[in-house]
Structures are given as C-alpha cells and as structure tokens.
Amino acid sequence: MGNLEYLCCMTIEYPSQSWKDYELIDSGRGFKLERFGDFILSRPEPKALWDKSLSDEEWNRLTHTRFTPGAGFAKAGKEDSGTWDRIRRMPDQWWIRYNGGPQFSLRLGLTSFKHVGVFPEQAANWEYIYRQTRSIAEKTGEKPKVLNLFAYTGGASIAARCAGADVTHLDSVRQVVTWAHENQDRSGLDGIRWVVEDAMKFARREAKRGNKYNGIILDPPAYGHGPGGEKWKLDGCLFDMMKSVGQILADKDSFLVLNLYSNGFSAILGETVVRQAFSLGADVELESGELVLRDRFGKNLPLSIFVRLRR
C-alpha cells in the first residue's frame, strides 16, 4: 500500500447567499441557467455533465436570452464564439450590485462571446482580497499596494479598492479596461491606476525596477495576446509568469491569489507551480481549492481552481 498524505487545506468556496443579484438556477446537459439581476440567461457550460433538473419547457419559459455556440466553439481562439438568441425582451447592457463585504456595481453586457462581464464564482476571491487588504492596512497603518494582472472588468480590483488599497489594474485589452473603469465610477470609487499592457512584460519591468506589492492577483487565460501581439499560452508561460511575480510580491504583509480556469489544471498543480516559482519550503502553507456554484437543486458546478499565499 502506498503512502497516504492528507491535504487539510483544500477548500470549496461558493458565493455568499447574501448576494441577491446572482443565482445559478439550474445546470445540466452542457448548459447553465443563471439569473443576473432581473434577467435570466442560458449559456453553455461543458462541466455540467449531468441532467437538468427543470424541463426544457421550464428553461424556455424562464430564459430571456440563450447563447448559441458558433461553428468554431471550443476551438483555440474561438473557444466561446457564438450568438445570443433573445427569447424575451431585455437590454444589451444592464447593471447588478455586489453586496458582500465590499459593495460595488458591475455592468453586464451580451458580448460576441458567451461571457457577460462577470464570473460570479469569483465572489469568493473578492471577499478574500477585501479581507486581506483590510488586514494589511490595519496591521501596517499604510495603504497596501495591490496589482491585478489579467484583470478583465475589475471585480477583484474594485474589491481591493473598497478595502483602501492603492490598486494597479492591468489587462491587454483596452475595451475591458474601459469597462472596468465604468464599474469603478458607477461604484462611487476612484483612484485605480489603469494599464493596457502585456502582463509578463509589466511584471518583469516591475522586478527590474525593484517595485513591490502587498497583494498580487492573477487570473490568466488559457490563450491570449498582448496589445503588441505578444502570445500567451498558459501551459508554456505560467511558471515563468509566477517566477516574475515572486520577485515583486513583498516578503511580508502580503498575499497572492492565483485563479485558473483551464481544464486539466488541478489545485495540486497550481500549488506546486507557486511553491516552485517562489522557492517556498514545505513548511510554508498554501491555501488551495475550487470555486463552485450550486444551483437550486443542490448540484455543485466547479468552475475554477485557486491557490492563495499569505505571509
């Protein structure tokens, strides 16, 4: 019989039930049925391998709009391409409110992909970022510096700003940085530093300058391009990215949040990448686990894995 090692730090996290503007209603047969504010969307979800709990007729009755995958769906570069088919009247854009520890507004929109501007399972990370940022501020009496790489529409950036951080928000796509700026303004905040840049180049440049951050957040895609055409492929770039991040995360009073959506990546793999990139000893504790949504019928839908370092 082989050796057994029990990993007690693996956790499963869900959005708080106090968040009333989001709900996973049902899931199954490769789709999920979600309510964002007043509107209900049906979107593809490859991880929903089970049967739906509601009938197709009930899904159609509830749904405002359904995303129909295009011919290139699930292929590299076209992973989420398709069209929205409206069943009931609804706007192209609308707002919801997050009311957890941090409280802020998020604009949603029907993009040419299946995404709508928010990944609701990330609410658990927003709460963690908010708590850690406040803790560091209270301990040090100073404004923590937080860097959000691959920052998308800024939920994590705004959570850190709500906690009083000096936030740098970086993404390679100017349109989503503009979107994040709208979210900041609608939330009654200001002061976030906006950067349109390749994440790897920025991290390496910050390391050369000797700049340090109290918090670093990363949510890298499987594939991507920088504004100058720089290529990003998660398998080939993640470890080098984390080594650069290791040089700019402060040695104490700091935290790291790494989130990974790519299929085939596990929490243990993420832990090993962080531990090796940061040259951490076995005695340094990392927290890892899965971010999960639970529908009305108790079915758990795992969507991403996370690794967190606190020191």
C-alpha atoms as a PDB file:
ATOM      1  CA  MET A   1       0.000   0.000   0.000  1.00  0.00           C
ATOM      2  CA  GLY A   2       1.413   3.397  -0.967  1.00  0.00           C
ATOM      3  CA  ASN A   3       1.989   6.318   1.349  1.00  0.00           C
ATOM      4  CA  LEU A   4      -1.047   8.477   2.125  1.00  0.00           C
ATOM      5  CA  GLU A   5      -0.845  12.231   2.547  1.00  0.00           C
ATOM      6  CA  TYR A   6      -3.899  14.135   3.751  1.00  0.00           C
ATOM      7  CA  LEU A   7      -4.162  17.685   2.444  1.00  0.00           C
ATOM      8  CA  CYS A   8      -6.246  19.543   5.034  1.00  0.00           C
ATOM      9  CA  CYS A   9      -6.065  22.948   3.338  1.00  0.00           C
ATOM     10  CA  MET A  10      -8.146  22.069   0.248  1.00  0.00           C
ATOM     11  CA  THR A  11     -11.327  24.125   0.330  1.00  0.00           C
ATOM     12  CA  ILE A  12     -14.507  24.524  -1.688  1.00  0.00           C
ATOM     13  CA  GLU A  13     -15.904  28.057  -1.821  1.00  0.00           C
ATOM     14  CA  TYR A  14     -19.214  29.432  -3.042  1.00  0.00           C
ATOM     15  CA  PRO A  15     -20.583  32.964  -3.460  1.00  0.00           C
ATOM     16  CA  SER A  16     -22.306  34.278  -0.361  1.00  0.00           C
ATOM     17  CA  GLN A  17     -26.059  33.720  -0.184  1.00  0.00           C
ATOM     18  CA  SER A  18     -26.360  37.403   0.703  1.00  0.00           C
ATOM     19  CA  TRP A  19     -25.592  38.267  -2.941  1.00  0.00           C
ATOM     20  CA  LYS A  20     -29.142  38.658  -4.213  1.00  0.00           C
ATOM     21  CA  ASP A  21     -28.353  39.856  -7.751  1.00  0.00           C
ATOM     22  CA  TYR A  22     -26.945  36.480  -8.871  1.00  0.00           C
ATOM     23  CA  GLU A  23     -28.306  32.938  -8.800  1.00  0.00           C
ATOM     24  CA  LEU A  24     -27.472  29.686 -10.577  1.00  0.00           C
ATOM     25  CA  ILE A  25     -30.989  28.368 -11.141  1.00  0.00           C
ATOM     26  CA  ASP A  26     -30.221  25.043 -12.852  1.00  0.00           C
ATOM     27  CA  SER A  27     -27.441  23.237 -14.715  1.00  0.00           C
ATOM     28  CA  GLY A  28     -27.059  20.167 -16.891  1.00  0.00           C
ATOM     29  CA  ARG A  29     -26.565  18.748 -20.378  1.00  0.00           C
ATOM     30  CA  GLY A  30     -23.721  21.162 -21.001  1.00  0.00           C
ATOM     31  CA  PHE A  31     -25.614  24.329 -20.039  1.00  0.00           C
ATOM     32  CA  LYS A  32     -26.263  26.571 -17.037  1.00  0.00           C
ATOM     33  CA  LEU A  33     -29.299  28.734 -16.338  1.00  0.00           C
ATOM     34  CA  GLU A  34     -28.369  31.905 -14.440  1.00  0.00           C
ATOM     35  CA  ARG A  35     -30.121  34.989 -13.128  1.00  0.00           C
ATOM     36  CA  PHE A  36     -28.173  38.249 -13.227  1.00  0.00           C
ATOM     37  CA  GLY A  37     -30.355  40.885 -11.598  1.00  0.00           C
ATOM     38  CA  ASP A  38     -33.697  40.874 -13.412  1.00  0.00           C
ATOM     39  CA  PHE A  39     -32.609  38.781 -16.398  1.00  0.00           C
ATOM     40  CA  ILE A  40     -32.105  35.039 -16.888  1.00  0.00           C
ATOM     41  CA  LEU A  41     -29.503  33.687 -19.298  1.00  0.00           C
ATOM     42  CA  SER A  42     -28.840  30.212 -20.682  1.00  0.00           C
ATOM     43  CA  ARG A  43     -25.174  29.642 -21.516  1.00  0.00           C
ATOM     44  CA  PRO A  44     -23.006  26.654 -22.496  1.00  0.00           C
ATOM     45  CA  GLU A  45     -21.102  25.033 -19.630  1.00  0.00           C
ATOM     46  CA  PRO A  46     -19.044  21.952 -20.616  1.00  0.00           C
ATOM     47  CA  LYS A  47     -18.596  20.941 -16.972  1.00  0.00           C
ATOM     48  CA  ALA A  48     -22.340  20.484 -16.439  1.00  0.00           C
ATOM     49  CA  LEU A  49     -22.243  16.775 -17.301  1.00  0.00           C
ATOM     50  CA  TRP A  50     -25.471  15.753 -15.552  1.00  0.00           C
ATOM     51  CA  ASP A  51     -29.170  16.046 -16.417  1.00  0.00           C
ATOM     52  CA  LYS A  52     -31.091  19.267 -15.959  1.00  0.00           C
ATOM     53  CA  SER A  53     -33.469  19.334 -13.005  1.00  0.00           C
ATOM     54  CA  LEU A  54     -36.014  21.530 -14.795  1.00  0.00           C
ATOM     55  CA  SER A  55     -37.615  20.523 -18.078  1.00  0.00           C
ATOM     56  CA  ASP A  56     -36.641  22.129 -21.388  1.00  0.00           C
ATOM     57  CA  GLU A  57     -40.054  23.804 -21.380  1.00  0.00           C
ATOM     58  CA  GLU A  58     -39.311  25.385 -17.995  1.00  0.00           C
ATOM     59  CA  TRP A  59     -35.910  26.579 -19.193  1.00  0.00           C
ATOM     60  CA  ASN A  60     -37.533  28.199 -22.237  1.00  0.00           C
ATOM     61  CA  ARG A  61     -40.212  29.808 -20.081  1.00  0.00           C
ATOM     62  CA  LEU A  62     -37.640  31.355 -17.726  1.00  0.00           C
ATOM     63  CA  THR A  63     -34.928  32.361 -20.188  1.00  0.00           C
ATOM     64  CA  HIS A  64     -34.594  35.905 -21.532  1.00  0.00           C
ATOM     65  CA  THR A  65     -31.693  35.065 -23.861  1.00  0.00           C
ATOM     66  CA  ARG A  66     -29.801  31.938 -24.884  1.00  0.00           C
ATOM     67  CA  PHE A  67     -26.240  31.733 -26.165  1.00  0.00           C
ATOM     68  CA  THR A  68     -25.919  29.536 -29.262  1.00  0.00           C
ATOM     69  CA  PRO A  69     -22.350  28.325 -29.926  1.00  0.00           C
ATOM     70  CA  GLY A  70     -20.833  29.066 -33.330  1.00  0.00           C
ATOM     71  CA  ALA A  71     -19.047  26.685 -35.678  1.00  0.00           C
ATOM     72  CA  GLY A  72     -15.661  27.347 -34.066  1.00  0.00           C
ATOM     73  CA  PHE A  73     -16.857  26.934 -30.494  1.00  0.00           C
ATOM     74  CA  ALA A  74     -14.341  25.144 -28.216  1.00  0.00           C
ATOM     75  CA  LYS A  75     -11.505  25.590 -30.718  1.00  0.00           C
ATOM     76  CA  ALA A  76      -8.388  27.600 -29.824  1.00  0.00           C
ATOM     77  CA  GLY A  77      -9.035  31.287 -30.401  1.00  0.00           C
ATOM     78  CA  LYS A  78     -12.780  30.723 -30.809  1.00  0.00           C
ATOM     79  CA  GLU A  79     -13.462  28.912 -27.544  1.00  0.00           C
ATOM     80  CA  ASP A  80     -16.576  30.892 -26.691  1.00  0.00           C
ATOM     81  CA  SER A  81     -17.747  32.302 -30.024  1.00  0.00           C
ATOM     82  CA  GLY A  82     -21.413  32.304 -30.957  1.00  0.00           C
ATOM     83  CA  THR A  83     -24.575  34.425 -30.885  1.00  0.00           C
ATOM     84  CA  TRP A  84     -27.264  35.446 -28.393  1.00  0.00           C
ATOM     85  CA  ASP A  85     -30.835  34.494 -29.256  1.00  0.00           C
ATOM     86  CA  ARG A  86     -33.386  36.591 -27.381  1.00  0.00           C
ATOM     87  CA  ILE A  87     -36.496  34.814 -26.198  1.00  0.00           C
ATOM     88  CA  ARG A  88     -37.872  37.694 -24.129  1.00  0.00           C
ATOM     89  CA  ARG A  89     -37.179  41.405 -24.234  1.00  0.00           C
ATOM     90  CA  MET A  90     -34.069  42.586 -22.408  1.00  0.00           C
ATOM     91  CA  PRO A  91     -31.334  45.227 -22.917  1.00  0.00           C
ATOM     92  CA  ASP A  92     -27.881  44.621 -24.358  1.00  0.00           C
ATOM     93  CA  GLN A  93     -26.361  46.079 -21.178  1.00  0.00           C
ATOM     94  CA  TRP A  94     -27.552  46.303 -17.580  1.00  0.00           C
ATOM     95  CA  TRP A  95     -26.198  46.715 -14.041  1.00  0.00           C
ATOM     96  CA  ILE A  96     -26.103  44.490 -10.976  1.00  0.00           C
ATOM     97  CA  ARG A  97     -24.905  45.159  -7.445  1.00  0.00           C
ATOM     98  CA  TYR A  98     -22.494  43.081  -5.379  1.00  0.00           C
ATOM     99  CA  ASN A  99     -23.342  43.363  -1.683  1.00  0.00           C
ATOM    100  CA  GLY A 100     -20.888  41.173   0.186  1.00  0.00           C
ATOM    101  CA  GLY A 101     -18.065  42.595   2.338  1.00  0.00           C
ATOM    102  CA  PRO A 102     -17.109  45.002  -0.437  1.00  0.00           C
ATOM    103  CA  GLN A 103     -20.097  46.617  -2.138  1.00  0.00           C
ATOM    104  CA  PHE A 104     -19.897  47.741  -5.745  1.00  0.00           C
ATOM    105  CA  SER A 105     -21.656  47.802  -9.111  1.00  0.00           C
ATOM    106  CA  LEU A 106     -20.936  45.734 -12.213  1.00  0.00           C
ATOM    107  CA  ARG A 107     -22.091  46.377 -15.754  1.00  0.00           C
ATOM    108  CA  LEU A 108     -23.140  43.296 -17.683  1.00  0.00           C
ATOM    109  CA  GLY A 109     -23.351  43.015 -21.442  1.00  0.00           C
ATOM    110  CA  LEU A 110     -24.126  40.479 -24.154  1.00  0.00           C
ATOM    111  CA  THR A 111     -20.731  40.172 -25.851  1.00  0.00           C
ATOM    112  CA  SER A 112     -19.945  38.283 -29.056  1.00  0.00           C
ATOM    113  CA  PHE A 113     -18.639  35.554 -26.748  1.00  0.00           C
ATOM    114  CA  LYS A 114     -20.591  33.705 -24.076  1.00  0.00           C
ATOM    115  CA  HIS A 115     -19.160  35.999 -21.373  1.00  0.00           C
ATOM    116  CA  VAL A 116     -21.189  38.836 -19.883  1.00  0.00           C
ATOM    117  CA  GLY A 117     -18.546  40.780 -17.935  1.00  0.00           C
ATOM    118  CA  VAL A 118     -18.539  38.934 -14.634  1.00  0.00           C
ATOM    119  CA  PHE A 119     -17.562  35.478 -13.405  1.00  0.00           C
ATOM    120  CA  PRO A 120     -19.863  35.110 -10.379  1.00  0.00           C
ATOM    121  CA  GLU A 121     -17.869  32.284  -8.780  1.00  0.00           C
ATOM    122  CA  GLN A 122     -15.081  34.840  -8.307  1.00  0.00           C
ATOM    123  CA  ALA A 123     -17.093  36.422  -5.487  1.00  0.00           C
ATOM    124  CA  ALA A 124     -15.250  34.161  -3.030  1.00  0.00           C
ATOM    125  CA  ASN A 125     -11.930  35.603  -4.219  1.00  0.00           C
ATOM    126  CA  TRP A 126     -13.308  39.171  -3.982  1.00  0.00           C
ATOM    127  CA  GLU A 127     -14.139  38.539  -0.347  1.00  0.00           C
ATOM    128  CA  TYR A 128     -10.682  37.107   0.353  1.00  0.00           C
ATOM    129  CA  ILE A 129      -8.948  40.051  -1.364  1.00  0.00           C
ATOM    130  CA  TYR A 130     -11.086  42.519   0.576  1.00  0.00           C
ATOM    131  CA  ARG A 131     -10.332  40.848   3.931  1.00  0.00           C
ATOM    132  CA  GLN A 132      -6.597  40.512   3.341  1.00  0.00           C
ATOM    133  CA  THR A 133      -6.230  44.071   2.084  1.00  0.00           C
ATOM    134  CA  ARG A 134      -8.039  45.465   5.135  1.00  0.00           C
ATOM    135  CA  SER A 135      -5.973  43.265   7.451  1.00  0.00           C
ATOM    136  CA  ILE A 136      -2.686  44.504   5.984  1.00  0.00           C
ATOM    137  CA  ALA A 137      -3.841  48.142   6.168  1.00  0.00           C
ATOM    138  CA  GLU A 138      -4.843  47.747   9.823  1.00  0.00           C
ATOM    139  CA  LYS A 139      -1.594  45.977  10.725  1.00  0.00           C
ATOM    140  CA  THR A 140       0.820  48.316   8.933  1.00  0.00           C
ATOM    141  CA  GLY A 141      -1.105  51.586   9.134  1.00  0.00           C
ATOM    142  CA  GLU A 142      -0.281  52.121   5.459  1.00  0.00           C
ATOM    143  CA  LYS A 143      -2.185  51.866   2.196  1.00  0.00           C
ATOM    144  CA  PRO A 144      -1.461  48.408   0.678  1.00  0.00           C
ATOM    145  CA  LYS A 145      -0.330  48.233  -2.938  1.00  0.00           C
ATOM    146  CA  VAL A 146      -2.293  45.670  -4.963  1.00  0.00           C
ATOM    147  CA  LEU A 147      -1.597  44.563  -8.550  1.00  0.00           C
ATOM    148  CA  ASN A 148      -4.307  42.817 -10.571  1.00  0.00           C
ATOM    149  CA  LEU A 149      -2.954  41.080 -13.682  1.00  0.00           C
ATOM    150  CA  PHE A 150      -5.246  39.775 -16.454  1.00  0.00           C
ATOM    151  CA  ALA A 151      -7.767  41.932 -14.607  1.00  0.00           C
ATOM    152  CA  TYR A 152     -10.738  41.808 -17.042  1.00  0.00           C
ATOM    153  CA  THR A 153     -13.640  44.036 -15.926  1.00  0.00           C
ATOM    154  CA  GLY A 154     -12.219  44.651 -12.492  1.00  0.00           C
ATOM    155  CA  GLY A 155     -14.253  42.891  -9.795  1.00  0.00           C
ATOM    156  CA  ALA A 156     -11.075  41.986  -7.893  1.00  0.00           C
ATOM    157  CA  SER A 157      -9.560  45.443  -8.460  1.00  0.00           C
ATOM    158  CA  ILE A 158     -12.665  47.133  -7.078  1.00  0.00           C
ATOM    159  CA  ALA A 159     -12.796  44.775  -4.084  1.00  0.00           C
ATOM    160  CA  ALA A 160      -9.216  45.772  -3.207  1.00  0.00           C
ATOM    161  CA  ARG A 161     -10.020  49.456  -3.735  1.00  0.00           C
ATOM    162  CA  CYS A 162     -13.063  49.159  -1.458  1.00  0.00           C
ATOM    163  CA  ALA A 163     -10.636  47.993   1.236  1.00  0.00           C
ATOM    164  CA  GLY A 164      -8.464  51.084   0.744  1.00  0.00           C
ATOM    165  CA  ALA A 165      -5.700  49.690  -1.478  1.00  0.00           C
ATOM    166  CA  ASP A 166      -3.593  51.567  -3.993  1.00  0.00           C
ATOM    167  CA  VAL A 167      -4.630  49.421  -6.986  1.00  0.00           C
ATOM    168  CA  THR A 168      -2.976  48.854 -10.364  1.00  0.00           C
ATOM    169  CA  HIS A 169      -5.360  47.187 -12.826  1.00  0.00           C
ATOM    170  CA  LEU A 170      -3.743  45.624 -15.898  1.00  0.00           C
ATOM    171  CA  ASP A 171      -5.248  43.947 -18.935  1.00  0.00           C
ATOM    172  CA  SER A 172      -4.067  43.676 -22.538  1.00  0.00           C
ATOM    173  CA  VAL A 173      -7.499  44.564 -23.992  1.00  0.00           C
ATOM    174  CA  ARG A 174      -8.331  48.260 -23.906  1.00  0.00           C
ATOM    175  CA  GLN A 175     -12.083  47.687 -24.193  1.00  0.00           C
ATOM    176  CA  VAL A 176     -12.277  45.643 -20.983  1.00  0.00           C
ATOM    177  CA  VAL A 177     -10.105  48.172 -19.124  1.00  0.00           C
ATOM    178  CA  THR A 178     -12.619  50.844 -20.175  1.00  0.00           C
ATOM    179  CA  TRP A 179     -15.393  48.529 -18.934  1.00  0.00           C
ATOM    180  CA  ALA A 180     -13.625  48.168 -15.574  1.00  0.00           C
ATOM    181  CA  HIS A 181     -13.302  51.964 -15.357  1.00  0.00           C
ATOM    182  CA  GLU A 182     -17.090  52.246 -15.793  1.00  0.00           C
ATOM    183  CA  ASN A 183     -17.570  49.757 -12.946  1.00  0.00           C
ATOM    184  CA  GLN A 184     -15.309  51.831 -10.701  1.00  0.00           C
ATOM    185  CA  ASP A 185     -17.163  55.052 -11.497  1.00  0.00           C
ATOM    186  CA  ARG A 186     -20.623  53.522 -11.039  1.00  0.00           C
ATOM    187  CA  SER A 187     -19.445  52.154  -7.659  1.00  0.00           C
ATOM    188  CA  GLY A 188     -18.599  55.655  -6.447  1.00  0.00           C
ATOM    189  CA  LEU A 189     -14.854  54.964  -6.355  1.00  0.00           C
ATOM    190  CA  ASP A 190     -11.786  56.481  -7.957  1.00  0.00           C
ATOM    191  CA  GLY A 191      -8.006  56.248  -7.890  1.00  0.00           C
ATOM    192  CA  ILE A 192      -7.374  52.914  -9.628  1.00  0.00           C
ATOM    193  CA  ARG A 193      -4.372  53.016 -11.946  1.00  0.00           C
ATOM    194  CA  TRP A 194      -5.329  51.650 -15.384  1.00  0.00           C
ATOM    195  CA  VAL A 195      -2.698  49.902 -17.529  1.00  0.00           C
ATOM    196  CA  VAL A 196      -3.122  48.374 -21.002  1.00  0.00           C
ATOM    197  CA  GLU A 197      -0.056  46.171 -21.271  1.00  0.00           C
ATOM    198  CA  ASP A 198       1.258  42.645 -21.647  1.00  0.00           C
ATOM    199  CA  ALA A 199       1.251  41.109 -18.156  1.00  0.00           C
ATOM    200  CA  MET A 200       4.583  39.298 -18.496  1.00  0.00           C
ATOM    201  CA  LYS A 201       6.388  42.403 -19.759  1.00  0.00           C
ATOM    202  CA  PHE A 202       4.923  44.523 -16.983  1.00  0.00           C
ATOM    203  CA  ALA A 203       5.863  42.066 -14.219  1.00  0.00           C
ATOM    204  CA  ARG A 204       9.430  41.739 -15.495  1.00  0.00           C
ATOM    205  CA  ARG A 205       9.785  45.511 -15.754  1.00  0.00           C
ATOM    206  CA  GLU A 206       8.491  45.979 -12.209  1.00  0.00           C
ATOM    207  CA  ALA A 207      11.011  43.392 -10.985  1.00  0.00           C
ATOM    208  CA  LYS A 208      13.875  45.286 -12.649  1.00  0.00           C
ATOM    209  CA  ARG A 209      12.670  48.498 -11.008  1.00  0.00           C
ATOM    210  CA  GLY A 210      12.541  46.825  -7.605  1.00  0.00           C
ATOM    211  CA  ASN A 211       8.866  47.622  -7.129  1.00  0.00           C
ATOM    212  CA  LYS A 212       6.948  45.529  -4.589  1.00  0.00           C
ATOM    213  CA  TYR A 213       3.250  44.871  -3.990  1.00  0.00           C
ATOM    214  CA  ASN A 214       1.362  43.736  -0.888  1.00  0.00           C
ATOM    215  CA  GLY A 215      -1.154  41.867  -2.988  1.00  0.00           C
ATOM    216  CA  ILE A 216      -0.960  40.294  -6.439  1.00  0.00           C
ATOM    217  CA  ILE A 217      -3.953  38.775  -8.223  1.00  0.00           C
ATOM    218  CA  LEU A 218      -3.720  36.693 -11.387  1.00  0.00           C
ATOM    219  CA  ASP A 219      -6.491  35.160 -13.475  1.00  0.00           C
ATOM    220  CA  PRO A 220      -4.645  34.153 -16.662  1.00  0.00           C
ATOM    221  CA  PRO A 221      -6.485  32.765 -19.699  1.00  0.00           C
ATOM    222  CA  ALA A 222      -5.593  29.541 -21.486  1.00  0.00           C
ATOM    223  CA  TYR A 223      -4.668  31.569 -24.580  1.00  0.00           C
ATOM    224  CA  GLY A 224      -4.252  35.271 -25.195  1.00  0.00           C
ATOM    225  CA  HIS A 225      -2.385  38.100 -26.870  1.00  0.00           C
ATOM    226  CA  GLY A 226      -0.796  41.257 -25.526  1.00  0.00           C
ATOM    227  CA  PRO A 227      -1.502  44.667 -27.090  1.00  0.00           C
ATOM    228  CA  GLY A 228       1.702  44.306 -29.129  1.00  0.00           C
ATOM    229  CA  GLY A 229       0.789  40.844 -30.400  1.00  0.00           C
ATOM    230  CA  GLU A 230       2.645  39.031 -27.613  1.00  0.00           C
ATOM    231  CA  LYS A 231       1.473  35.424 -27.383  1.00  0.00           C
ATOM    232  CA  TRP A 232       0.286  33.874 -24.153  1.00  0.00           C
ATOM    233  CA  LYS A 233      -0.251  30.139 -23.707  1.00  0.00           C
ATOM    234  CA  LEU A 234      -0.943  29.058 -20.147  1.00  0.00           C
ATOM    235  CA  ASP A 235       0.950  25.765 -20.255  1.00  0.00           C
ATOM    236  CA  GLY A 236       4.123  27.364 -21.558  1.00  0.00           C
ATOM    237  CA  CYS A 237       4.027  30.739 -19.795  1.00  0.00           C
ATOM    238  CA  LEU A 238       2.536  30.238 -16.330  1.00  0.00           C
ATOM    239  CA  PHE A 239       5.671  29.136 -14.494  1.00  0.00           C
ATOM    240  CA  ASP A 240       7.786  31.995 -15.881  1.00  0.00           C
ATOM    241  CA  MET A 241       4.981  34.400 -15.033  1.00  0.00           C
ATOM    242  CA  MET A 242       4.887  33.177 -11.453  1.00  0.00           C
ATOM    243  CA  LYS A 243       8.674  33.480 -11.107  1.00  0.00           C
ATOM    244  CA  SER A 244       8.411  37.133 -12.133  1.00  0.00           C
ATOM    245  CA  VAL A 245       5.524  37.657  -9.715  1.00  0.00           C
ATOM    246  CA  GLY A 246       7.623  36.100  -6.949  1.00  0.00           C
ATOM    247  CA  GLN A 247      10.135  38.917  -7.371  1.00  0.00           C
ATOM    248  CA  ILE A 248       7.575  41.698  -6.898  1.00  0.00           C
ATOM    249  CA  LEU A 249       5.446  40.324  -4.042  1.00  0.00           C
ATOM    250  CA  ALA A 250       6.516  41.808  -0.713  1.00  0.00           C
ATOM    251  CA  ASP A 251       8.264  39.402   1.661  1.00  0.00           C
ATOM    252  CA  LYS A 252       5.815  40.107   4.495  1.00  0.00           C
ATOM    253  CA  ASP A 253       2.364  41.619   4.964  1.00  0.00           C
ATOM    254  CA  SER A 254       1.396  40.330   1.542  1.00  0.00           C
ATOM    255  CA  PHE A 255      -0.879  37.897  -0.284  1.00  0.00           C
ATOM    256  CA  LEU A 256      -1.167  36.178  -3.648  1.00  0.00           C
ATOM    257  CA  VAL A 257      -4.307  34.936  -5.405  1.00  0.00           C
ATOM    258  CA  LEU A 258      -3.872  32.727  -8.482  1.00  0.00           C
ATOM    259  CA  ASN A 259      -7.025  31.615 -10.292  1.00  0.00           C
ATOM    260  CA  LEU A 260      -7.019  29.043 -13.109  1.00  0.00           C
ATOM    261  CA  TYR A 261      -9.908  28.051 -15.375  1.00  0.00           C
ATOM    262  CA  SER A 262      -8.062  25.784 -17.805  1.00  0.00           C
ATOM    263  CA  ASN A 263      -9.360  22.209 -17.934  1.00  0.00           C
ATOM    264  CA  GLY A 264      -6.728  19.754 -16.771  1.00  0.00           C
ATOM    265  CA  PHE A 265      -5.303  22.114 -14.146  1.00  0.00           C
ATOM    266  CA  SER A 266      -5.779  20.966 -10.563  1.00  0.00           C
ATOM    267  CA  ALA A 267      -5.333  22.694  -7.237  1.00  0.00           C
ATOM    268  CA  ILE A 268      -2.313  20.491  -6.524  1.00  0.00           C
ATOM    269  CA  LEU A 269      -0.736  21.510  -9.837  1.00  0.00           C
ATOM    270  CA  GLY A 270      -1.361  25.178  -9.000  1.00  0.00           C
ATOM    271  CA  GLU A 271       0.158  24.747  -5.543  1.00  0.00           C
ATOM    272  CA  THR A 272       3.262  23.097  -6.996  1.00  0.00           C
ATOM    273  CA  VAL A 273       3.708  25.867  -9.576  1.00  0.00           C
ATOM    274  CA  VAL A 274       3.511  28.556  -6.870  1.00  0.00           C
ATOM    275  CA  ARG A 275       5.717  26.674  -4.423  1.00  0.00           C
ATOM    276  CA  GLN A 276       8.454  26.068  -7.011  1.00  0.00           C
ATOM    277  CA  ALA A 277       8.271  29.523  -8.596  1.00  0.00           C
ATOM    278  CA  PHE A 278       8.546  31.209  -5.185  1.00  0.00           C
ATOM    279  CA  SER A 279      11.111  28.672  -3.854  1.00  0.00           C
ATOM    280  CA  LEU A 280       8.891  28.030  -0.849  1.00  0.00           C
ATOM    281  CA  GLY A 281       9.764  25.410   1.712  1.00  0.00           C
ATOM    282  CA  ALA A 282       7.422  22.596   2.610  1.00  0.00           C
ATOM    283  CA  ASP A 283       6.565  24.396   5.853  1.00  0.00           C
ATOM    284  CA  VAL A 284       5.001  27.386   4.054  1.00  0.00           C
ATOM    285  CA  GLU A 285       1.266  26.858   3.934  1.00  0.00           C
ATOM    286  CA  LEU A 286      -0.667  27.490   0.762  1.00  0.00           C
ATOM    287  CA  GLU A 287      -4.441  27.505   0.617  1.00  0.00           C
ATOM    288  CA  SER A 288      -5.992  25.948  -2.466  1.00  0.00           C
ATOM    289  CA  GLY A 289      -9.317  24.667  -3.646  1.00  0.00           C
ATOM    290  CA  GLU A 290     -12.158  25.107  -6.108  1.00  0.00           C
ATOM    291  CA  LEU A 291     -14.609  27.908  -6.774  1.00  0.00           C
ATOM    292  CA  VAL A 292     -18.037  26.378  -7.173  1.00  0.00           C
ATOM    293  CA  LEU A 293     -21.593  27.443  -7.969  1.00  0.00           C
ATOM    294  CA  ARG A 294     -24.537  25.498  -6.534  1.00  0.00           C
ATOM    295  CA  ASP A 295     -27.880  25.514  -8.299  1.00  0.00           C
ATOM    296  CA  ARG A 296     -31.340  25.492  -6.692  1.00  0.00           C
ATOM    297  CA  PHE A 297     -31.352  21.692  -6.735  1.00  0.00           C
ATOM    298  CA  GLY A 298     -28.062  21.265  -4.852  1.00  0.00           C
ATOM    299  CA  LYS A 299     -25.923  20.341  -7.860  1.00  0.00           C
ATOM    300  CA  ASN A 300     -22.370  21.657  -7.449  1.00  0.00           C
ATOM    301  CA  LEU A 301     -20.742  23.128 -10.560  1.00  0.00           C
ATOM    302  CA  PRO A 302     -16.944  23.502 -10.166  1.00  0.00           C
ATOM    303  CA  LEU A 303     -15.615  26.260 -12.413  1.00  0.00           C
ATOM    304  CA  SER A 304     -12.070  27.171 -11.404  1.00  0.00           C
ATOM    305  CA  ILE A 305      -9.254  26.350  -9.019  1.00  0.00           C
ATOM    306  CA  PHE A 306      -7.426  28.836  -6.842  1.00  0.00           C
ATOM    307  CA  VAL A 307      -4.154  28.997  -4.935  1.00  0.00           C
ATOM    308  CA  ARG A 308      -3.574  31.595  -2.204  1.00  0.00           C
ATOM    309  CA  LEU A 309      -0.401  32.517  -0.398  1.00  0.00           C
ATOM    310  CA  ARG A 310      -0.405  34.740   2.695  1.00  0.00           C
ATOM    311  CA  ARG A 311       2.643  35.936   4.581  1.00  0.00           C
END
